[in-house]
Amino acid sequence: MSQFNKGKLEEHWLKRILHAFDDLEYGSVQIIVHGGKIVQIERTKKERFPLEKEPHQR
């Protein structure tokens, strides 16, 4: 039996997926599905830092 009922995702899976986006400014969320069932949610968070200019050396 699939976790998708007529194109709609079960509520608890929707909450888990949305939770994966908490505090995610840069990165990705990947949902792994096998046999019509979600088996894994992977989250990759990236942090970006502003480039600091080095002082000119003479």
C-alpha atoms as a PDB file:
ATOM      1  CA  MET A   1       0.000   0.000   0.000  1.00  0.00           C
ATOM      2  CA  SER A   2       1.284   3.445  -0.963  1.00  0.00           C
ATOM      3  CA  GLN A   3       1.656   6.435   1.363  1.00  0.00           C
ATOM      4  CA  PHE A   4       0.074   8.518  -1.382  1.00  0.00           C
ATOM      5  CA  ASN A   5      -3.710   8.475  -1.416  1.00  0.00           C
ATOM      6  CA  LYS A   6      -5.132   9.884  -4.665  1.00  0.00           C
ATOM      7  CA  GLY A   7      -2.143  12.187  -5.068  1.00  0.00           C
ATOM      8  CA  LYS A   8      -2.174  13.376  -1.441  1.00  0.00           C
ATOM      9  CA  LEU A   9       0.602  12.718   1.028  1.00  0.00           C
ATOM     10  CA  GLU A  10      -0.215  11.411   4.524  1.00  0.00           C
ATOM     11  CA  GLU A  11      -0.181  14.215   7.095  1.00  0.00           C
ATOM     12  CA  HIS A  12       2.682  12.864   9.240  1.00  0.00           C
ATOM     13  CA  TRP A  13       4.968  12.634   6.190  1.00  0.00           C
ATOM     14  CA  LEU A  14       4.099  16.154   5.139  1.00  0.00           C
ATOM     15  CA  LYS A  15       5.044  17.389   8.619  1.00  0.00           C
ATOM     16  CA  ARG A  16       8.380  15.519   8.502  1.00  0.00           C
ATOM     17  CA  ILE A  17       9.206  16.945   5.087  1.00  0.00           C
ATOM     18  CA  LEU A  18       8.335  20.494   6.135  1.00  0.00           C
ATOM     19  CA  HIS A  19      10.384  20.051   9.323  1.00  0.00           C
ATOM     20  CA  ALA A  20      13.435  19.242   7.161  1.00  0.00           C
ATOM     21  CA  PHE A  21      13.255  22.824   5.851  1.00  0.00           C
ATOM     22  CA  ASP A  22      13.450  24.401   9.327  1.00  0.00           C
ATOM     23  CA  ASP A  23      16.405  26.815   9.556  1.00  0.00           C
ATOM     24  CA  LEU A  24      17.559  25.830   6.058  1.00  0.00           C
ATOM     25  CA  GLU A  25      18.844  28.906   4.243  1.00  0.00           C
ATOM     26  CA  TYR A  26      21.096  27.103   1.763  1.00  0.00           C
ATOM     27  CA  GLY A  27      21.065  23.370   1.061  1.00  0.00           C
ATOM     28  CA  SER A  28      18.783  20.620  -0.125  1.00  0.00           C
ATOM     29  CA  VAL A  29      16.129  18.190   1.033  1.00  0.00           C
ATOM     30  CA  GLN A  30      15.944  14.834  -0.744  1.00  0.00           C
ATOM     31  CA  ILE A  31      13.068  12.379  -0.326  1.00  0.00           C
ATOM     32  CA  ILE A  32      13.880   8.726  -1.074  1.00  0.00           C
ATOM     33  CA  VAL A  33      10.948   6.565  -2.213  1.00  0.00           C
ATOM     34  CA  HIS A  34      10.957   2.765  -2.690  1.00  0.00           C
ATOM     35  CA  GLY A  35       7.870   0.866  -3.794  1.00  0.00           C
ATOM     36  CA  GLY A  36       5.678   3.944  -3.450  1.00  0.00           C
ATOM     37  CA  LYS A  37       6.719   4.508   0.183  1.00  0.00           C
ATOM     38  CA  ILE A  38       8.970   7.156   1.686  1.00  0.00           C
ATOM     39  CA  VAL A  39      11.897   5.376   3.275  1.00  0.00           C
ATOM     40  CA  GLN A  40      14.281   8.245   3.942  1.00  0.00           C
ATOM     41  CA  ILE A  41      14.504  12.028   4.090  1.00  0.00           C
ATOM     42  CA  GLU A  42      18.001  13.480   3.643  1.00  0.00           C
ATOM     43  CA  ARG A  43      18.883  17.050   4.494  1.00  0.00           C
ATOM     44  CA  THR A  44      22.075  18.821   3.504  1.00  0.00           C
ATOM     45  CA  LYS A  45      22.660  22.207   5.101  1.00  0.00           C
ATOM     46  CA  LYS A  46      25.260  24.570   3.693  1.00  0.00           C
ATOM     47  CA  GLU A  47      26.598  27.659   5.358  1.00  0.00           C
ATOM     48  CA  ARG A  48      27.922  30.494   3.261  1.00  0.00           C
ATOM     49  CA  PHE A  49      30.325  33.086   4.545  1.00  0.00           C
ATOM     50  CA  PRO A  50      31.059  36.456   2.988  1.00  0.00           C
ATOM     51  CA  LEU A  51      34.390  36.742   1.242  1.00  0.00           C
ATOM     52  CA  GLU A  52      36.836  38.850   3.194  1.00  0.00           C
ATOM     53  CA  LYS A  53      39.204  40.941   1.148  1.00  0.00           C
ATOM     54  CA  GLU A  54      42.834  40.520   2.117  1.00  0.00           C
ATOM     55  CA  PRO A  55      44.800  43.701   2.711  1.00  0.00           C
ATOM     56  CA  HIS A  56      47.027  44.712  -0.189  1.00  0.00           C
ATOM     57  CA  GLN A  57      50.572  43.556   0.331  1.00  0.00           C
ATOM     58  CA  ARG A  58      53.426  45.782  -0.869  1.00  0.00           C
END
